[in-house]
Protein backbone atom coordinates (compact mmCIF):
# COMPACT_ATOMS: atom_id res chain seq x y z
CA MET A 1 104.52 123.78 148.73
CA ASN A 2 103.63 122.58 152.37
CA ARG A 3 101.05 124.17 154.94
CA ILE A 4 102.52 126.39 156.38
CA GLY A 5 104.20 128.26 153.62
CA PHE A 6 101.04 128.19 151.55
CA THR A 7 99.70 129.81 154.65
CA SER A 8 102.11 132.65 154.70
CA LEU A 9 102.01 133.07 150.86
CA LYS A 10 98.16 133.68 151.40
CA LEU A 11 98.99 136.48 153.90
CA VAL A 12 101.31 138.21 152.03
CA LEU A 13 98.89 138.21 149.14
CA LEU A 14 96.21 139.96 151.73
CA VAL A 15 98.66 142.57 152.76
CA LEU A 16 99.58 143.31 149.63
CA PHE A 17 96.12 143.97 148.73
CA ALA A 18 95.57 146.15 151.71
CA LEU A 19 98.48 147.86 150.35
CA ALA A 20 97.08 148.41 146.79
CA ALA A 21 93.99 149.25 148.52
CA LEU A 22 95.61 152.29 150.24
CA PHE A 23 97.59 153.34 147.83
CA PHE A 24 94.29 153.48 145.32
CA GLY A 25 92.03 154.81 148.04
CA VAL A 26 95.02 158.10 147.79
CA ALA A 27 96.43 158.23 144.28
CA VAL A 28 92.43 157.94 143.03
CA GLY A 29 89.76 161.19 143.04
CA SER A 30 88.79 163.99 140.54
CA VAL A 31 92.63 164.62 140.77
CA SER A 32 94.99 161.91 139.95
CA ILE A 33 97.73 161.34 142.19
CA PRO A 34 100.93 159.58 140.47
CA PHE A 35 102.60 156.48 143.71
CA SER A 36 106.29 158.62 143.63
CA GLN A 37 105.04 161.91 144.14
CA ILE A 38 102.22 160.26 146.98
CA CYS A 39 105.71 158.58 148.48
CA SER A 40 107.81 161.85 148.42
CA ILE A 41 104.91 163.70 149.92
CA VAL A 42 104.77 161.76 152.62
CA VAL A 43 108.74 161.14 153.41
CA HIS A 44 108.21 165.36 153.15
CA LYS A 45 105.91 165.30 155.94
CA LEU A 46 107.03 162.46 158.52
CA PHE A 47 111.06 163.36 158.04
CA ASP A 48 110.90 167.26 156.52
CA THR A 49 112.63 166.55 153.64
CA PRO A 50 112.52 169.28 150.62
CA LEU A 51 109.44 168.49 147.58
CA PRO A 52 110.67 167.73 144.05
CA GLU A 53 109.77 170.86 142.00
CA SER A 54 107.53 168.60 140.08
CA ILE A 55 105.03 168.93 143.04
CA THR A 56 103.17 172.12 143.02
CA GLY A 57 99.87 173.59 144.48
CA VAL A 58 97.73 172.09 147.08
CA THR A 59 98.67 168.43 145.70
CA PRO A 60 100.74 168.37 149.23
CA ASP A 61 97.78 169.29 151.56
CA LEU A 62 95.07 167.20 149.47
CA VAL A 63 97.68 164.09 149.57
CA TRP A 64 97.81 164.88 153.41
CA ASN A 65 95.19 166.24 155.13
CA ILE A 66 92.18 165.11 152.44
CA ARG A 67 92.64 161.94 151.29
CA LEU A 68 95.57 159.92 153.73
CA PRO A 69 93.74 160.69 156.70
CA ARG A 70 90.08 159.41 154.90
CA VAL A 71 91.82 156.49 153.77
CA LEU A 72 93.79 155.18 157.07
CA LEU A 73 90.49 156.27 158.81
CA ALA A 74 88.45 153.87 156.77
CA PHE A 75 91.06 150.95 156.83
CA ILE A 76 91.36 151.20 160.54
CA VAL A 77 87.55 151.00 161.29
CA GLY A 78 87.12 148.52 158.39
CA ALA A 79 89.42 146.39 160.35
CA ALA A 80 87.80 147.06 163.25
CA LEU A 81 84.14 146.16 162.49
CA SER A 82 85.40 143.10 160.13
CA VAL A 83 86.84 141.71 163.88
CA CYS A 84 84.14 142.39 165.93
CA GLY A 85 82.26 140.28 163.51
CA ALA A 86 84.90 137.14 162.87
CA VAL A 87 84.62 137.03 167.21
CA MET A 88 80.95 137.61 167.31
CA GLN A 89 80.66 134.74 164.87
CA SER A 90 82.39 132.44 166.69
CA MET A 91 81.60 133.35 170.25
CA LEU A 92 78.13 132.70 169.37
CA GLN A 93 78.25 130.01 166.86
CA ASN A 94 76.51 131.66 163.91
CA PRO A 95 77.40 132.67 160.89
CA LEU A 96 75.05 135.48 161.00
CA ALA A 97 76.04 137.11 164.00
CA SER A 98 77.41 140.38 164.20
CA SER A 99 77.73 143.30 166.48
CA TYR A 100 75.48 145.63 164.43
CA GLY A 101 73.29 143.07 164.20
CA LEU A 102 73.37 143.17 167.99
CA GLY A 103 72.48 146.36 168.61
CA VAL A 104 76.20 147.25 169.26
CA SER A 105 76.74 149.93 166.64
CA SER A 106 73.08 151.30 167.05
CA GLY A 107 72.98 151.53 170.74
CA ALA A 108 76.67 154.04 169.53
CA GLY A 109 74.76 155.41 167.35
CA VAL A 110 71.65 156.60 169.63
CA ALA A 111 74.16 158.09 172.19
CA VAL A 112 75.90 159.92 169.15
CA ALA A 113 72.82 161.37 168.26
CA LEU A 114 72.01 162.40 171.43
CA CYS A 115 75.22 163.90 171.75
CA MET A 116 74.31 165.83 168.27
CA VAL A 117 71.01 167.08 169.96
CA PHE A 118 72.56 168.26 173.19
CA GLY A 119 75.61 169.96 171.34
CA LEU A 120 78.56 167.34 172.93
CA SER A 121 79.78 166.49 169.82
CA GLN A 122 80.61 170.29 168.67
CA SER A 123 83.43 170.60 171.58
CA SER A 124 86.66 171.16 171.45
CA TRP A 125 87.09 167.74 173.06
CA SER A 126 84.69 165.68 171.69
CA ASN A 127 87.10 163.45 169.90
CA TRP A 128 88.05 161.90 173.14
CA LEU A 129 84.62 162.09 175.47
CA MET A 130 81.94 161.23 172.62
CA PRO A 131 84.54 157.26 172.24
CA LEU A 132 83.64 157.09 175.95
CA ILE A 133 79.81 157.93 175.67
CA CYS A 134 79.68 155.61 172.57
CA LEU A 135 81.72 153.09 174.69
CA GLY A 136 79.58 152.84 177.67
CA ALA A 137 76.35 153.00 175.36
CA ALA A 138 77.84 149.75 172.98
CA LEU A 139 77.91 148.27 176.83
CA CYS A 140 74.82 149.25 178.11
CA THR A 141 73.19 147.77 174.47
CA ILE A 142 74.75 144.30 175.43
CA LEU A 143 73.78 144.26 178.96
CA LEU A 144 70.64 145.10 177.96
CA VAL A 145 70.33 142.11 175.15
CA MET A 146 71.48 140.10 177.43
CA THR A 147 69.39 140.20 180.11
CA LEU A 148 66.36 140.20 177.92
CA SER A 149 67.50 137.07 176.60
CA GLN A 150 67.80 135.53 180.06
CA ARG A 151 64.02 136.10 181.20
CA ILE A 152 63.41 134.81 177.96
CA ASP A 153 65.41 132.12 177.62
CA PRO A 154 66.60 130.90 180.88
CA SER A 155 69.58 129.17 179.22
CA LEU A 156 70.61 132.01 177.12
CA SER A 157 70.97 129.83 173.93
CA ASN A 158 73.05 131.70 171.27
CA GLN A 159 69.97 132.16 168.76
CA THR A 160 67.62 133.79 171.37
CA ILE A 161 70.91 136.61 171.68
CA ILE A 162 70.88 136.92 168.19
CA LEU A 163 67.09 137.28 167.78
CA VAL A 164 66.80 139.64 170.89
CA GLY A 165 69.91 141.26 169.56
CA MET A 166 68.14 142.49 166.07
CA VAL A 167 65.02 143.67 167.84
CA LEU A 168 66.84 146.22 169.77
CA SER A 169 69.13 146.72 167.13
CA LEU A 170 65.56 147.70 165.48
CA PHE A 171 63.88 149.71 167.95
CA LEU A 172 67.41 151.71 168.82
CA SER A 173 66.96 152.56 164.63
CA ALA A 174 63.83 154.08 165.21
CA CYS A 175 64.69 156.06 168.74
CA MET A 176 67.61 157.80 166.47
CA SER A 177 65.31 158.49 163.47
CA THR A 178 62.49 160.28 166.08
CA LEU A 179 65.14 162.03 167.34
CA ALA A 180 66.54 163.25 164.10
CA THR A 181 62.75 164.45 163.24
CA SER A 182 61.81 165.67 166.49
CA SER A 183 65.41 167.52 166.20
CA PRO A 184 65.14 169.42 162.71
CA ASP A 185 68.69 171.34 163.47
CA HIS A 186 70.49 168.10 163.50
CA SER A 187 68.55 166.18 161.29
CA GLN A 188 71.01 165.99 158.83
CA ARG A 189 73.63 165.03 161.14
CA ILE A 190 71.74 162.64 162.25
CA LEU A 191 70.70 161.21 159.26
CA SER A 192 74.03 161.08 157.70
CA TRP A 193 75.51 159.67 160.86
CA GLN A 194 73.13 156.39 160.58
CA LEU A 195 74.30 155.97 156.59
CA GLY A 196 78.09 156.07 158.05
CA SER A 197 80.60 158.80 156.12
CA PHE A 198 83.82 159.24 155.73
CA SER A 199 83.90 162.68 154.57
CA MET A 200 85.82 165.63 155.91
CA LYS A 201 87.57 162.87 158.38
CA SER A 202 90.82 164.41 159.46
CA TRP A 203 94.03 163.46 161.99
CA SER A 204 91.95 164.34 164.95
CA GLN A 205 90.12 160.87 164.49
CA VAL A 206 92.27 159.32 163.49
CA VAL A 207 95.61 160.17 166.02
CA PRO A 208 92.72 158.85 169.05
CA LEU A 209 91.25 155.84 167.17
CA ALA A 210 94.12 154.31 165.83
CA PRO A 211 95.64 153.55 169.44
CA VAL A 212 92.20 151.94 170.17
CA VAL A 213 92.09 149.69 167.58
CA LEU A 214 95.46 148.33 167.86
CA VAL A 215 95.25 147.75 171.29
CA GLY A 216 91.90 145.75 170.82
CA SER A 217 92.85 143.82 167.81
CA LEU A 218 96.03 142.79 169.91
CA LEU A 219 93.85 141.49 172.74
CA LEU A 220 91.24 139.26 170.61
CA TRP A 221 94.41 137.91 168.81
CA ARG A 222 96.19 137.15 171.77
CA PHE A 223 93.04 134.85 172.78
CA GLY A 224 93.24 133.03 169.50
CA ARG A 225 93.54 129.97 171.09
CA GLU A 226 90.54 130.15 173.28
CA LEU A 227 88.24 131.82 170.59
CA ASP A 228 89.23 128.91 168.80
CA LEU A 229 88.38 126.69 171.91
CA LEU A 230 85.19 128.31 172.01
CA SER A 231 83.51 127.93 168.20
CA PHE A 232 83.31 124.36 169.30
CA GLY A 233 80.18 125.16 171.93
CA ASP A 234 80.55 126.07 175.51
CA GLU A 235 80.30 122.48 176.97
CA SER A 236 83.49 121.34 175.13
CA ALA A 237 85.31 124.69 175.53
CA THR A 238 84.12 124.11 179.89
CA THR A 239 85.04 120.43 179.40
CA LEU A 240 88.82 121.85 178.72
CA GLY A 241 88.93 124.75 181.49
CA LEU A 242 87.89 127.77 179.84
CA SER A 243 85.60 129.89 181.92
CA THR A 244 83.52 130.79 179.23
CA LYS A 245 81.31 133.04 181.03
CA ARG A 246 83.92 135.39 182.24
CA PHE A 247 85.22 134.64 178.47
CA LYS A 248 82.46 136.21 177.14
CA TRP A 249 82.17 138.71 178.92
CA MET A 250 85.33 140.02 178.25
CA LEU A 251 84.80 139.66 175.13
CA LEU A 252 81.90 141.39 174.72
CA PHE A 253 83.13 144.09 176.35
CA LEU A 254 86.52 144.59 173.40
CA ILE A 255 83.25 144.42 171.67
CA SER A 256 81.64 147.17 172.62
CA LEU A 257 84.87 149.60 172.19
CA LEU A 258 85.70 148.75 168.99
CA THR A 259 82.34 149.38 167.77
CA GLY A 260 81.80 152.27 169.85
CA ALA A 261 85.01 154.00 169.11
CA SER A 262 84.19 153.04 165.35
CA VAL A 263 80.68 154.52 165.45
CA ALA A 264 81.77 157.58 167.03
CA PHE A 265 83.89 159.10 164.88
CA VAL A 266 82.67 157.58 161.31
CA GLY A 267 78.58 156.75 162.41
CA ILE A 268 76.76 153.56 161.46
CA ILE A 269 78.49 151.18 159.13
CA GLY A 270 76.57 147.52 158.39
CA PHE A 271 77.76 144.12 156.86
CA VAL A 272 81.35 145.19 156.89
CA ASP A 273 81.76 142.90 160.16
CA LEU A 274 79.31 139.83 158.91
CA VAL A 275 80.81 139.76 155.67
CA THR A 276 84.12 140.24 155.97
CA PRO A 277 84.61 137.61 158.09
CA HIS A 278 83.16 134.60 156.00
CA ILE A 279 85.69 135.63 153.39
CA VAL A 280 89.72 135.56 155.44
CA ARG A 281 87.60 132.37 157.55
CA ARG A 282 87.37 130.89 153.76
CA PHE A 283 90.82 132.03 152.51
CA LEU A 284 92.42 131.70 155.43
CA GLY A 285 90.87 128.91 157.71
CA PRO A 286 89.06 128.93 161.27
CA SER A 287 92.16 129.50 163.88
CA HIS A 288 92.03 132.87 165.12
CA ARG A 289 95.58 133.28 165.38
CA LEU A 290 95.32 133.77 161.23
CA LEU A 291 91.31 135.13 160.78
CA ILE A 292 92.49 137.93 163.34
CA PRO A 293 95.30 139.50 161.64
CA GLY A 294 93.51 138.56 157.91
CA CYS A 295 90.41 140.58 158.76
CA VAL A 296 92.72 143.10 159.87
CA LEU A 297 93.43 143.60 156.22
CA PHE A 298 90.95 142.57 154.36
CA GLY A 299 88.47 144.26 156.67
CA GLY A 300 90.69 147.25 156.18
CA GLY A 301 91.34 147.26 152.28
CA PHE A 302 87.54 146.01 151.91
CA MET A 303 85.95 149.59 153.88
CA VAL A 304 89.10 150.84 152.05
CA CYS A 305 87.73 150.02 148.66
CA CYS A 306 83.94 150.85 149.57
CA ASP A 307 84.84 154.42 150.41
CA LEU A 308 86.66 154.81 147.28
CA ALA A 309 83.56 154.04 145.51
CA ALA A 310 81.35 155.66 147.62
CA ARG A 311 83.41 159.40 146.32
CA THR A 312 83.93 158.95 142.56
CA LEU A 313 80.79 156.55 141.41
CA THR A 314 78.75 160.13 141.81
CA SER A 315 81.64 162.27 141.87
CA PRO A 316 81.38 165.32 142.60
CA SER A 317 78.28 163.95 144.83
CA GLU A 318 79.38 161.19 147.40
CA ILE A 319 76.90 158.33 148.17
CA PRO A 320 76.63 157.31 152.41
CA ILE A 321 80.05 154.59 152.48
CA GLY A 322 76.78 152.39 154.44
CA SER A 323 74.52 152.30 151.42
CA ILE A 324 77.67 151.17 148.99
CA THR A 325 78.37 148.31 152.41
CA ALA A 326 74.95 147.27 152.28
CA LEU A 327 74.26 147.08 148.46
CA LEU A 328 77.44 144.31 148.68
CA GLY A 329 76.06 142.82 151.84
CA ALA A 330 72.78 142.47 152.04
CA PRO A 331 72.74 139.52 148.61
CA PHE A 332 75.45 137.88 150.66
CA PHE A 333 73.33 138.22 154.61
CA LEU A 334 70.65 136.42 152.21
CA TYR A 335 73.00 133.38 150.87
CA LEU A 336 73.87 133.08 154.13
CA PHE A 337 70.91 132.50 155.19
CA LEU A 338 69.83 130.61 152.91
CA ALA A 339 72.71 128.10 153.33
CA SER A 340 72.83 128.08 157.32
CA ARG A 341 68.39 127.09 156.53
CA ASN A 342 69.67 124.19 154.07
CA LYS A 343 72.14 122.82 156.66
CA GLY A 344 70.06 123.14 159.08
CA GLN A 345 67.19 120.88 156.75
CA GLN A 346 70.00 118.54 156.21
CA MET A 347 71.22 117.82 159.56
């Protein structure tokens, strides 16, 4: 099998993994639902066809109004965070880089916490206002990281950016905890937001988020060649005709857009944007024209699987999705850290 055929086979496998994750996410739960019934309900809702007599009771509402929007939202958020992680790692040329570690997620999280305290999250237009506020907060966080990094290191090295981002992320997380403890009426919501959750989500969250993630991911895929150049280093990319400074700011805006919109609806979910790009990169290779679609498929499916574990392992109670991703991601982070350290010592 030639190289193109082998790559196509890998993409097909990722598509099958994503579809399997979506199916099991809808089918498995306190009540198991057969694949045939899921298909019949979806077709009924989309095309107004009659339901089979075997489908009765609350099953249609369970599939269409509870499980399907939750699973789709998990897939969309997982795809968005994975794409952001892949772009961040290439831009900063560091395997430990992520939007979570750079403080972008925490910045958006502080904005959400403030909205909760001041009652903006309960308004009828919060599903459209919150992403805009989170986008602004994420952009401000990025701007602060870059400004502080330049003050500390005028050369604006990638290592300095990552360290400043991690410090700022810890500071913003502390701010969220302070807001939670100082606002007893909202403390439970803020604390649960810090760990992320897909519980009680509906189509009202899926509809505004889906086009944002689709457009942002397509734009990043469109700049796949430029991302490939950037991954070789700023000097090499500049020599080959890429305006690295302008391009990085554009990337930071898109990363802030995708991360801020995701945090606005489901809270802060760490490690997904760190782990999944490495797995996809090893599976498909470093080319961003393949890496970004691969991150969409694998990252989305991975998040659906994590959410499935979160709501079934301790049923009827539910584990925060951020706890599941942290349990999986923290050992992987340690492995990456040790691997990069050993590589540096060998060089």
